[in-house]
Amino acid sequence: MSFKSWIIQKYALRVKAATEHMAKNAIQDQNNIFNDLIKKASRTQFGQDHDFKNISNHSTFLEHVPIRNYEDLKPYIEKILLGKENILWPGKPKYLAKTSGTTSGVKYIPISNASIKYHISTARNAILNYVAQTKKNVFGGKMIFLSGSPVLDYKSNIATGRLSGIVNHEIPQWVKPNQLPTYETNCIAEWESKLKAIVKETFDQDMTLISGIPPWVQMYFEQILAQSGKSTIKGVFPNLNLFIHGGVNYQPYKLGIDKLIGQHVDTLETYPASEGFIAYQNDVNDDSLLLNTKAGMFFEFVDASEIFAEAPKRLTLEDVKLNKDYVILISSNAGLWAYNIGDTIRFTSKAPFKIKVSGRIKHFISAFGEHVIAKEVEEAIQNISNEMNLNLTEFTVAPEVNPEEGQLPYHEWFIEFENVPENLDLIEIKLNEEILRQNIYYRDLIEGSILQTLKITTLQKGAFRNYMKSKGKLGGQNKVPRLTNDRIIADALKTYKI
């Protein structure tokens, strides 16, 4: 073992011990963070507007600070964009993370000097926990991070860009010699050109760790195999130990990526967001994620079924229950307050507090009151794929509210298969049964002859990539929503119908 590897192993054990301590003290840490956040932000404009000096506990916080989404916070963000200080958090943000959904406008999420440290340390801790647990040396070879461009713009002298690009500027010096692609390649804006350059730089390297959003990693793997002439990724990178993924549910991609890799490679899921690094998998044998309870964020949770109510009940860690879908709210040392990031999670454990991401509350279909959410369609497709050994690339679901004359409305599933199966009728039946099982409102609408059963529209290979390319959203952290409540994406995908 080299001296560097010995140092990393020792460091990894310290990180593992600190992580275990955090896991055992989550509630006390959350109380301390809450008090610290209120105290430090009391003299900001937001703190004065919401009478922070009279907030002494969570109950008074509920009285003074309502749940907010981006539009609610936008008046404060606009002042930050004009260069004003002490608006949401003392001073100015260090960065503004630029985000945008497939159908929504640009958002600017503040990242402070205090909060960026936790983005970096949490990513580091996730890897070092793995090293401590497995004793595998992922730092012995090259590590590739498929990310957005690190080229930053400026808004009132605040560096602005995609979160993955921002993080590139904060990577520790001791990691940089192992990091690929090069900075110059990472700066290429157009994804397909960038991917070709990444493949050229990496196909003959000793890769030990690969990180990225599954659909773009899958594309990278396919091009690596084409460039190298090898049949599997392990044939190209025999020392590859770890694939780190996040951003979307991995299960729909797992079969395809496993096939490309060819042999077992450990996987680790992380849950980073522009609003904060929320959770990460700290045990390679447990796919639940440890909630990051000592990282400058105070968490609240709202029962997903209540989030659209006028005054939904807001819970702290002490009140949550297992296997129940919650919308997660964040108050942070970047200046977010009771902020709804749009995700739903469910707790799989309370000792320690571990979660799984179950969907996006803003991605749903409720054209007729059915309120089908991402967790339900992803679980349905995963169960049927496992049962019938289906291999699909991507999918999304939309309502068809104006079907052909004489037909009832229905949910249309747009699926891109690796190989289109012959028994689509049976797949439709089984998918429909899965949604009926999970969603009582959908069942009522089917049984009441308001909706007919779902239909699958198969798409050409490359359909989702071509769609994303047409929207300038190819690569990086961009992803297609699993559900939409309109036909914007659906109508565009019709172009690629088989």
Protein backbone atom coordinates (compact mmCIF):
# COMPACT_ATOMS: atom_id res chain seq x y z
CA MET A 1 0.00 0.00 0.00
CA SER A 2 1.34 3.43 -0.98
CA PHE A 3 1.77 6.17 1.62
CA LYS A 4 -1.09 8.13 -0.03
CA SER A 5 -3.40 5.11 0.15
CA TRP A 6 -2.47 4.56 3.83
CA ILE A 7 -3.29 8.21 4.65
CA ILE A 8 -6.62 7.99 2.79
CA GLN A 9 -7.58 4.79 4.65
CA LYS A 10 -6.84 6.45 8.01
CA TYR A 11 -8.80 9.55 6.99
CA ALA A 12 -11.68 7.38 5.78
CA LEU A 13 -11.97 5.70 9.18
CA ARG A 14 -12.17 9.11 10.88
CA VAL A 15 -14.91 10.21 8.47
CA LYS A 16 -16.81 6.97 9.05
CA ALA A 17 -16.69 7.53 12.83
CA ALA A 18 -17.88 11.14 12.44
CA THR A 19 -20.72 9.96 10.19
CA GLU A 20 -21.81 7.38 12.75
CA HIS A 21 -21.77 10.07 15.44
CA MET A 22 -23.96 12.31 13.24
CA ALA A 23 -26.37 9.44 12.67
CA LYS A 24 -26.79 8.90 16.43
CA ASN A 25 -27.29 12.60 17.27
CA ALA A 26 -29.58 13.72 14.45
CA ILE A 27 -32.35 15.31 16.51
CA GLN A 28 -30.00 17.26 18.79
CA ASP A 29 -27.96 18.43 15.77
CA GLN A 30 -31.13 19.56 14.02
CA ASN A 31 -32.20 21.59 17.08
CA ASN A 32 -28.77 23.22 17.26
CA ILE A 33 -28.81 24.05 13.55
CA PHE A 34 -32.30 25.54 13.81
CA ASN A 35 -31.25 27.87 16.63
CA ASP A 36 -28.04 28.84 14.83
CA LEU A 37 -29.86 29.64 11.57
CA ILE A 38 -32.45 31.86 13.27
CA LYS A 39 -29.78 33.71 15.26
CA LYS A 40 -27.46 34.37 12.31
CA ALA A 41 -30.24 35.49 9.94
CA SER A 42 -32.12 37.68 12.42
CA ARG A 43 -30.67 40.90 10.98
CA THR A 44 -31.20 40.01 7.32
CA GLN A 45 -34.11 41.53 5.47
CA PHE A 46 -35.92 38.18 5.52
CA GLY A 47 -35.25 37.83 9.24
CA GLN A 48 -36.63 41.29 9.95
CA ASP A 49 -39.64 40.79 7.67
CA HIS A 50 -40.49 37.59 9.54
CA ASP A 51 -39.68 38.78 13.07
CA PHE A 52 -36.88 36.27 13.69
CA LYS A 53 -36.05 37.94 17.01
CA ASN A 54 -39.31 36.50 18.39
CA ILE A 55 -38.78 32.98 17.04
CA SER A 56 -37.65 30.76 19.89
CA ASN A 57 -38.67 27.28 18.76
CA HIS A 58 -40.28 25.36 15.91
CA SER A 59 -43.80 26.31 16.99
CA THR A 60 -43.07 30.05 16.71
CA PHE A 61 -41.20 29.41 13.45
CA LEU A 62 -44.42 27.94 12.03
CA GLU A 63 -46.28 31.12 13.02
CA HIS A 64 -43.80 33.46 11.35
CA VAL A 65 -42.48 31.56 8.31
CA PRO A 66 -44.88 29.97 5.81
CA ILE A 67 -43.91 27.26 3.31
CA ARG A 68 -42.32 28.79 0.22
CA ASN A 69 -41.54 27.73 -3.32
CA TYR A 70 -39.27 29.61 -5.71
CA GLU A 71 -41.92 32.05 -6.86
CA ASP A 72 -42.62 33.02 -3.24
CA LEU A 73 -38.92 33.62 -2.64
CA LYS A 74 -38.34 35.39 -5.94
CA PRO A 75 -38.74 39.00 -4.65
CA TYR A 76 -35.80 38.38 -2.31
CA ILE A 77 -33.76 36.65 -5.03
CA GLU A 78 -34.31 39.61 -7.35
CA LYS A 79 -32.76 41.93 -4.75
CA ILE A 80 -29.74 39.62 -4.54
CA LEU A 81 -29.47 39.72 -8.35
CA LEU A 82 -29.35 43.53 -8.10
CA GLY A 83 -26.33 43.25 -5.81
CA LYS A 84 -27.99 43.94 -2.45
CA GLU A 85 -26.53 42.36 0.70
CA ASN A 86 -28.01 40.75 3.83
CA ILE A 87 -31.20 39.73 2.08
CA LEU A 88 -31.71 36.03 2.87
CA TRP A 89 -28.41 35.35 4.65
CA PRO A 90 -25.67 37.67 5.96
CA GLY A 91 -23.60 39.22 3.16
CA LYS A 92 -23.89 38.03 -0.44
CA PRO A 93 -24.03 34.47 -1.75
CA LYS A 94 -20.73 33.05 -2.96
CA TYR A 95 -22.54 31.45 -5.92
CA LEU A 96 -25.93 31.36 -7.55
CA ALA A 97 -26.86 27.89 -8.79
CA LYS A 98 -28.74 28.25 -12.05
CA THR A 99 -31.44 25.65 -12.45
CA SER A 100 -34.26 25.10 -14.89
CA GLY A 101 -36.77 22.35 -15.44
CA THR A 102 -37.66 20.97 -18.84
CA THR A 103 -40.76 23.16 -18.95
CA SER A 104 -40.03 25.84 -16.32
CA GLY A 105 -38.01 29.02 -16.37
CA VAL A 106 -34.58 29.79 -14.94
CA LYS A 107 -34.15 29.82 -11.17
CA TYR A 108 -31.23 31.17 -9.15
CA ILE A 109 -30.61 29.30 -5.89
CA PRO A 110 -28.19 31.01 -3.47
CA ILE A 111 -25.13 29.12 -2.25
CA SER A 112 -23.21 30.78 0.58
CA ASN A 113 -19.62 30.44 1.74
CA ALA A 114 -20.99 28.35 4.60
CA SER A 115 -23.20 26.06 2.51
CA ILE A 116 -20.75 25.26 -0.32
CA LYS A 117 -18.44 23.64 2.24
CA TYR A 118 -21.12 21.06 2.98
CA HIS A 119 -21.71 20.34 -0.71
CA ILE A 120 -18.03 19.38 -0.98
CA SER A 121 -17.52 17.67 2.38
CA THR A 122 -20.64 15.51 1.93
CA ALA A 123 -19.50 14.27 -1.50
CA ARG A 124 -16.11 13.51 0.05
CA ASN A 125 -17.69 11.73 3.03
CA ALA A 126 -19.83 9.52 0.79
CA ILE A 127 -16.73 8.25 -1.01
CA LEU A 128 -14.61 7.92 2.14
CA ASN A 129 -17.36 5.97 3.94
CA TYR A 130 -17.26 3.57 1.01
CA VAL A 131 -13.46 3.33 1.24
CA ALA A 132 -13.62 2.68 5.00
CA GLN A 133 -16.26 0.00 4.53
CA THR A 134 -14.79 -1.86 1.53
CA LYS A 135 -11.05 -1.06 1.81
CA LYS A 136 -11.10 -0.53 -1.97
CA ASN A 137 -8.74 2.13 -3.29
CA VAL A 138 -10.85 4.28 -5.59
CA PHE A 139 -8.24 7.04 -5.36
CA GLY A 140 -5.51 4.86 -6.88
CA GLY A 141 -6.60 5.50 -10.46
CA LYS A 142 -8.51 8.11 -12.41
CA MET A 143 -11.96 9.38 -11.44
CA ILE A 144 -14.40 10.78 -13.95
CA PHE A 145 -17.18 13.19 -13.02
CA LEU A 146 -19.68 13.70 -15.85
CA SER A 147 -20.96 17.18 -15.09
CA GLY A 148 -22.05 20.51 -16.50
CA SER A 149 -19.65 23.16 -17.72
CA PRO A 150 -17.54 24.90 -15.04
CA VAL A 151 -17.70 28.15 -17.04
CA LEU A 152 -19.47 30.66 -14.79
CA ASP A 153 -21.33 33.89 -15.54
CA TYR A 154 -21.71 36.73 -13.08
CA LYS A 155 -24.77 38.43 -11.63
CA SER A 156 -23.76 41.54 -9.63
CA ASN A 157 -20.30 40.00 -9.13
CA ILE A 158 -21.78 36.70 -7.91
CA ALA A 159 -20.48 33.66 -9.83
CA THR A 160 -23.42 31.89 -11.46
CA GLY A 161 -23.72 28.49 -13.13
CA ARG A 162 -24.98 24.92 -12.87
CA LEU A 163 -24.35 23.25 -9.52
CA SER A 164 -22.10 20.58 -11.03
CA GLY A 165 -20.06 23.30 -12.75
CA ILE A 166 -19.78 25.29 -9.52
CA VAL A 167 -18.60 22.21 -7.63
CA ASN A 168 -15.77 21.81 -10.15
CA HIS A 169 -14.24 25.00 -8.73
CA GLU A 170 -14.31 23.62 -5.19
CA ILE A 171 -12.79 20.15 -5.68
CA PRO A 172 -9.91 19.64 -3.20
CA GLN A 173 -6.39 19.95 -4.57
CA TRP A 174 -5.47 16.41 -3.49
CA VAL A 175 -8.24 15.01 -5.76
CA LYS A 176 -7.45 17.09 -8.87
CA PRO A 177 -4.52 14.93 -10.16
CA ASN A 178 -6.95 11.99 -10.42
CA GLN A 179 -9.85 13.98 -11.90
CA LEU A 180 -11.06 13.61 -15.48
CA PRO A 181 -12.05 15.05 -17.87
CA THR A 182 -9.67 17.97 -18.13
CA TYR A 183 -10.94 21.45 -17.37
CA GLU A 184 -10.72 22.40 -21.07
CA THR A 185 -12.86 19.44 -22.10
CA ASN A 186 -15.33 20.10 -19.31
CA CYS A 187 -15.81 23.62 -20.66
CA ILE A 188 -17.14 22.39 -24.02
CA ALA A 189 -20.74 23.59 -24.07
CA GLU A 190 -22.28 21.27 -26.68
CA TRP A 191 -22.86 17.87 -25.11
CA GLU A 192 -22.16 15.57 -28.06
CA SER A 193 -18.87 17.32 -28.84
CA LYS A 194 -17.98 17.26 -25.16
CA LEU A 195 -18.78 13.56 -24.90
CA LYS A 196 -16.51 12.74 -27.85
CA ALA A 197 -13.69 14.68 -26.21
CA ILE A 198 -14.29 12.90 -22.87
CA VAL A 199 -14.21 9.49 -24.57
CA LYS A 200 -10.96 10.39 -26.35
CA GLU A 201 -9.38 11.48 -23.05
CA THR A 202 -10.52 8.55 -20.95
CA PHE A 203 -10.87 5.32 -22.93
CA ASP A 204 -7.23 4.29 -22.29
CA GLN A 205 -7.04 5.46 -18.66
CA ASP A 206 -7.05 3.38 -15.46
CA MET A 207 -10.50 4.41 -14.28
CA THR A 208 -11.46 3.44 -10.72
CA LEU A 209 -14.51 5.68 -10.10
CA ILE A 210 -17.20 7.05 -12.40
CA SER A 211 -19.89 9.51 -11.30
CA GLY A 212 -22.84 11.02 -13.14
CA ILE A 213 -26.56 10.97 -13.92
CA PRO A 214 -27.46 7.47 -15.24
CA PRO A 215 -28.75 8.35 -18.76
CA TRP A 216 -25.61 10.35 -19.57
CA VAL A 217 -23.30 7.71 -18.06
CA GLN A 218 -25.08 5.13 -20.19
CA MET A 219 -24.38 7.23 -23.28
CA TYR A 220 -20.73 7.59 -22.22
CA PHE A 221 -20.40 3.83 -21.74
CA GLU A 222 -21.85 3.12 -25.19
CA GLN A 223 -19.38 5.47 -26.85
CA ILE A 224 -16.45 4.12 -24.81
CA LEU A 225 -17.24 0.62 -26.06
CA ALA A 226 -17.53 1.85 -29.64
CA GLN A 227 -14.16 3.65 -29.36
CA SER A 228 -12.30 0.82 -27.63
CA GLY A 229 -13.72 -2.13 -29.53
CA LYS A 230 -14.26 -3.94 -26.22
CA SER A 231 -17.50 -5.72 -25.33
CA THR A 232 -17.83 -4.54 -21.71
CA ILE A 233 -16.84 -1.53 -19.61
CA LYS A 234 -14.93 -3.81 -17.22
CA GLY A 235 -12.95 -4.89 -20.24
CA VAL A 236 -11.99 -1.26 -20.80
CA PHE A 237 -11.59 -0.31 -17.12
CA PRO A 238 -10.65 -3.52 -15.25
CA ASN A 239 -9.99 -1.63 -12.00
CA LEU A 240 -13.33 0.20 -11.96
CA ASN A 241 -14.65 -0.22 -8.41
CA LEU A 242 -17.42 2.32 -7.96
CA PHE A 243 -20.21 4.01 -9.90
CA ILE A 244 -21.76 6.99 -8.08
CA HIS A 245 -25.16 8.08 -9.34
CA GLY A 246 -27.94 10.49 -8.43
CA GLY A 247 -30.46 12.90 -9.90
CA VAL A 248 -32.95 10.29 -11.13
CA ASN A 249 -34.24 6.91 -9.98
CA TYR A 250 -31.54 4.42 -10.93
CA GLN A 251 -33.71 1.32 -11.22
CA PRO A 252 -35.06 1.91 -14.76
CA TYR A 253 -31.44 2.20 -15.99
CA LYS A 254 -29.87 -0.54 -13.89
CA LEU A 255 -30.43 -3.44 -16.29
CA GLY A 256 -28.95 -1.56 -19.25
CA ILE A 257 -25.95 -0.21 -17.34
CA ASP A 258 -25.23 -3.59 -15.72
CA LYS A 259 -25.19 -5.14 -19.18
CA LEU A 260 -22.76 -2.51 -20.47
CA ILE A 261 -20.43 -2.89 -17.47
CA GLY A 262 -20.44 -6.67 -17.79
CA GLN A 263 -19.32 -7.53 -14.24
CA HIS A 264 -20.31 -6.43 -10.75
CA VAL A 265 -19.29 -2.89 -9.83
CA ASP A 266 -20.37 -1.31 -6.55
CA THR A 267 -22.88 1.53 -6.84
CA LEU A 268 -23.45 4.41 -4.46
CA GLU A 269 -26.44 6.75 -4.60
CA THR A 270 -26.20 10.40 -3.60
CA TYR A 271 -28.89 13.07 -3.23
CA PRO A 272 -27.32 16.43 -4.06
CA ALA A 273 -29.51 19.39 -4.96
CA SER A 274 -28.82 23.05 -5.59
CA GLU A 275 -30.54 23.71 -2.26
CA GLY A 276 -28.16 21.43 -0.34
CA PHE A 277 -26.59 17.97 -0.24
CA ILE A 278 -29.53 16.23 1.39
CA ALA A 279 -28.51 12.59 1.81
CA TYR A 280 -26.15 9.88 0.65
CA GLN A 281 -25.74 6.13 0.79
CA ASN A 282 -23.35 5.38 3.63
CA ASP A 283 -23.58 1.59 3.42
CA VAL A 284 -22.89 -0.29 0.20
CA ASN A 285 -25.19 -3.09 1.41
CA ASP A 286 -28.17 -0.79 2.10
CA ASP A 287 -29.57 1.30 -0.75
CA SER A 288 -31.30 3.73 1.65
CA LEU A 289 -29.70 7.15 2.08
CA LEU A 290 -28.51 8.64 5.36
CA LEU A 291 -30.16 12.03 5.93
CA ASN A 292 -27.48 14.74 6.18
CA THR A 293 -28.59 16.14 9.53
CA LYS A 294 -25.42 18.07 10.42
CA ALA A 295 -24.83 20.09 7.28
CA GLY A 296 -26.29 23.57 7.81
CA MET A 297 -29.83 22.52 6.90
CA PHE A 298 -32.93 22.26 9.09
CA PHE A 299 -35.47 19.81 7.69
CA GLU A 300 -39.25 19.78 7.90
CA PHE A 301 -41.62 17.26 6.38
CA VAL A 302 -45.19 17.46 5.09
CA ASP A 303 -47.38 14.46 4.33
CA ALA A 304 -47.44 14.39 0.52
CA SER A 305 -51.23 14.02 0.54
CA GLU A 306 -51.54 17.34 2.43
CA ILE A 307 -49.05 19.53 0.56
CA PHE A 308 -51.73 21.23 -1.54
CA ALA A 309 -53.90 21.95 1.51
CA GLU A 310 -54.21 25.53 2.75
CA ALA A 311 -52.31 24.88 6.00
CA PRO A 312 -50.50 21.52 5.81
CA LYS A 313 -49.00 20.16 9.02
CA ARG A 314 -45.21 20.56 9.17
CA LEU A 315 -43.28 17.87 11.05
CA THR A 316 -39.75 17.65 12.38
CA LEU A 317 -37.62 14.50 12.54
CA GLU A 318 -39.14 13.57 15.89
CA ASP A 319 -42.60 13.22 14.33
CA VAL A 320 -42.01 11.33 11.06
CA LYS A 321 -43.22 7.79 10.41
CA LEU A 322 -41.74 5.01 8.31
CA ASN A 323 -42.82 4.19 4.75
CA LYS A 324 -44.90 7.33 4.32
CA ASP A 325 -44.34 9.84 1.49
CA TYR A 326 -43.29 13.28 2.71
CA VAL A 327 -42.52 16.50 0.89
CA ILE A 328 -39.19 17.77 2.21
CA LEU A 329 -38.75 21.42 3.27
CA ILE A 330 -35.36 23.06 3.84
CA SER A 331 -34.18 26.05 5.85
CA SER A 332 -30.47 26.56 5.33
CA ASN A 333 -27.31 28.56 5.85
CA ALA A 334 -27.65 29.68 2.23
CA GLY A 335 -30.83 31.62 3.10
CA LEU A 336 -33.66 29.24 2.18
CA TRP A 337 -36.58 29.23 4.62
CA ALA A 338 -39.21 26.46 4.81
CA TYR A 339 -38.41 25.97 1.13
CA ASN A 340 -40.23 23.26 -0.81
CA ILE A 341 -37.64 21.75 -3.14
CA GLY A 342 -40.35 19.70 -4.86
CA ASP A 343 -39.15 16.22 -3.85
CA THR A 344 -40.94 13.50 -1.94
CA ILE A 345 -39.06 11.08 0.32
CA ARG A 346 -39.97 8.21 2.59
CA PHE A 347 -38.18 7.09 5.74
CA THR A 348 -36.91 3.51 5.75
CA SER A 349 -35.32 3.84 9.21
CA LYS A 350 -35.43 6.20 12.20
CA ALA A 351 -32.36 4.87 13.98
CA PRO A 352 -30.53 6.22 12.06
CA PHE A 353 -32.74 8.46 9.89
CA LYS A 354 -32.49 6.95 6.42
CA ILE A 355 -34.61 7.75 3.39
CA LYS A 356 -35.39 6.90 -0.19
CA VAL A 357 -36.38 9.51 -2.77
CA SER A 358 -39.88 8.60 -3.90
CA GLY A 359 -40.59 11.25 -6.54
CA ARG A 360 -41.23 14.86 -7.46
CA ILE A 361 -44.35 16.49 -6.05
CA LYS A 362 -44.43 18.93 -8.98
CA HIS A 363 -44.29 16.05 -11.47
CA PHE A 364 -47.74 14.47 -11.39
CA ILE A 365 -50.81 13.75 -13.46
CA SER A 366 -54.11 14.94 -12.07
CA ALA A 367 -56.07 15.85 -15.17
CA PHE A 368 -59.11 14.16 -13.63
CA GLY A 369 -58.24 14.23 -9.91
CA GLU A 370 -56.18 11.02 -9.96
CA HIS A 371 -52.95 12.65 -8.69
CA VAL A 372 -50.60 9.95 -9.94
CA ILE A 373 -47.06 10.77 -8.78
CA ALA A 374 -43.56 9.82 -9.96
CA LYS A 375 -43.05 7.21 -7.26
CA GLU A 376 -46.06 5.27 -8.54
CA VAL A 377 -45.07 5.16 -12.21
CA GLU A 378 -41.42 4.42 -11.41
CA GLU A 379 -42.36 1.59 -9.07
CA ALA A 380 -44.78 0.22 -11.67
CA ILE A 381 -42.25 0.20 -14.51
CA GLN A 382 -39.57 -1.23 -12.22
CA ASN A 383 -41.76 -4.11 -11.05
CA ILE A 384 -42.89 -5.00 -14.59
CA SER A 385 -39.35 -4.68 -15.97
CA ASN A 386 -38.07 -7.09 -13.33
CA GLU A 387 -40.94 -9.52 -13.87
CA MET A 388 -40.76 -9.51 -17.68
CA ASN A 389 -37.01 -8.81 -18.10
CA LEU A 390 -37.65 -5.58 -20.02
CA ASN A 391 -34.75 -3.36 -21.04
CA LEU A 392 -35.81 0.26 -21.54
CA THR A 393 -33.83 3.43 -22.05
CA GLU A 394 -36.25 6.09 -20.84
CA PHE A 395 -39.94 6.84 -20.37
CA THR A 396 -42.41 9.58 -19.48
CA VAL A 397 -46.17 9.68 -18.94
CA ALA A 398 -48.77 12.31 -19.92
CA PRO A 399 -52.58 12.52 -19.96
CA GLU A 400 -54.48 12.30 -23.24
CA VAL A 401 -57.54 14.40 -22.45
CA ASN A 402 -58.76 14.73 -26.06
CA PRO A 403 -58.67 11.21 -27.51
CA GLU A 404 -60.22 10.14 -30.80
CA GLU A 405 -63.98 10.52 -30.96
CA GLY A 406 -65.83 7.91 -28.95
CA GLN A 407 -62.86 7.03 -26.74
CA LEU A 408 -62.34 7.79 -23.07
CA PRO A 409 -59.29 9.80 -21.95
CA TYR A 410 -56.24 7.83 -20.80
CA HIS A 411 -52.66 8.05 -19.58
CA GLU A 412 -50.17 7.70 -22.42
CA TRP A 413 -46.81 6.10 -21.62
CA PHE A 414 -43.99 7.04 -23.98
CA ILE A 415 -41.33 4.33 -23.71
CA GLU A 416 -38.03 3.93 -25.52
CA PHE A 417 -37.02 0.26 -25.32
CA GLU A 418 -33.59 -1.14 -26.11
CA ASN A 419 -35.49 -3.85 -27.97
CA VAL A 420 -39.23 -3.37 -28.44
CA PRO A 421 -41.02 -6.38 -26.90
CA GLU A 422 -43.71 -8.21 -28.85
CA ASN A 423 -46.20 -8.47 -25.99
CA LEU A 424 -47.02 -4.76 -25.54
CA ASP A 425 -50.68 -5.57 -24.81
CA LEU A 426 -49.65 -7.69 -21.82
CA ILE A 427 -47.24 -4.98 -20.61
CA GLU A 428 -50.05 -2.40 -20.77
CA ILE A 429 -52.31 -4.68 -18.72
CA LYS A 430 -49.65 -5.29 -16.07
CA LEU A 431 -48.66 -1.62 -15.85
CA ASN A 432 -52.29 -0.64 -15.44
CA GLU A 433 -52.72 -3.22 -12.66
CA GLU A 434 -49.69 -1.74 -10.87
CA ILE A 435 -51.13 1.80 -10.95
CA LEU A 436 -54.55 0.49 -9.86
CA ARG A 437 -52.86 -1.21 -6.91
CA GLN A 438 -51.04 1.95 -5.81
CA ASN A 439 -53.53 4.73 -6.50
CA ILE A 440 -57.13 4.52 -5.29
CA TYR A 441 -58.17 7.66 -7.19
CA TYR A 442 -56.95 6.19 -10.48
CA ARG A 443 -58.83 3.00 -9.66
CA ASP A 444 -62.06 4.94 -9.03
CA LEU A 445 -61.73 6.74 -12.37
CA ILE A 446 -61.11 3.48 -14.28
CA GLU A 447 -63.96 1.65 -12.55
CA GLY A 448 -66.25 4.66 -13.01
CA SER A 449 -65.51 4.72 -16.77
CA ILE A 450 -64.04 8.23 -16.58
CA LEU A 451 -60.67 6.97 -17.83
CA GLN A 452 -59.79 4.02 -19.99
CA THR A 453 -56.73 1.91 -19.18
CA LEU A 454 -53.29 3.29 -20.07
CA LYS A 455 -51.70 3.00 -23.50
CA ILE A 456 -48.04 2.62 -24.48
CA THR A 457 -46.53 4.57 -27.35
CA THR A 458 -43.16 3.09 -28.35
CA LEU A 459 -40.44 5.47 -29.49
CA GLN A 460 -37.47 5.13 -31.81
CA LYS A 461 -34.03 4.50 -30.33
CA GLY A 462 -32.47 7.81 -29.37
CA ALA A 463 -35.85 9.54 -29.13
CA PHE A 464 -35.31 11.06 -25.68
CA ARG A 465 -31.76 12.14 -26.50
CA ASN A 466 -32.94 13.77 -29.71
CA TYR A 467 -35.77 15.50 -27.87
CA MET A 468 -33.43 16.83 -25.19
CA LYS A 469 -30.99 17.95 -27.88
CA SER A 470 -33.75 19.83 -29.70
CA LYS A 471 -34.44 21.72 -26.45
CA GLY A 472 -30.77 22.47 -25.76
CA LYS A 473 -30.95 20.20 -22.69
CA LEU A 474 -28.64 17.36 -23.72
CA GLY A 475 -26.17 16.21 -21.07
CA GLY A 476 -25.05 17.62 -17.74
CA GLN A 477 -27.67 17.54 -15.01
CA ASN A 478 -30.70 17.76 -17.33
CA LYS A 479 -33.34 15.06 -17.19
CA VAL A 480 -36.81 14.38 -18.58
CA PRO A 481 -39.60 14.43 -15.95
CA ARG A 482 -41.33 11.10 -15.45
CA LEU A 483 -44.76 12.75 -15.54
CA THR A 484 -46.27 15.96 -16.79
CA ASN A 485 -49.80 17.26 -16.36
CA ASP A 486 -49.90 18.63 -19.91
CA ARG A 487 -49.02 17.52 -23.45
CA ILE A 488 -46.00 19.76 -24.15
CA ILE A 489 -43.40 17.00 -23.94
CA ALA A 490 -45.80 14.32 -25.16
CA ASP A 491 -46.64 16.14 -28.37
CA ALA A 492 -42.94 16.73 -29.08
CA LEU A 493 -42.18 13.03 -28.54
CA LYS A 494 -44.89 12.03 -31.05
CA THR A 495 -42.33 12.95 -33.71
CA TYR A 496 -40.28 9.91 -32.68
CA LYS A 497 -43.16 7.41 -32.56
CA ILE A 498 -42.47 4.02 -34.10
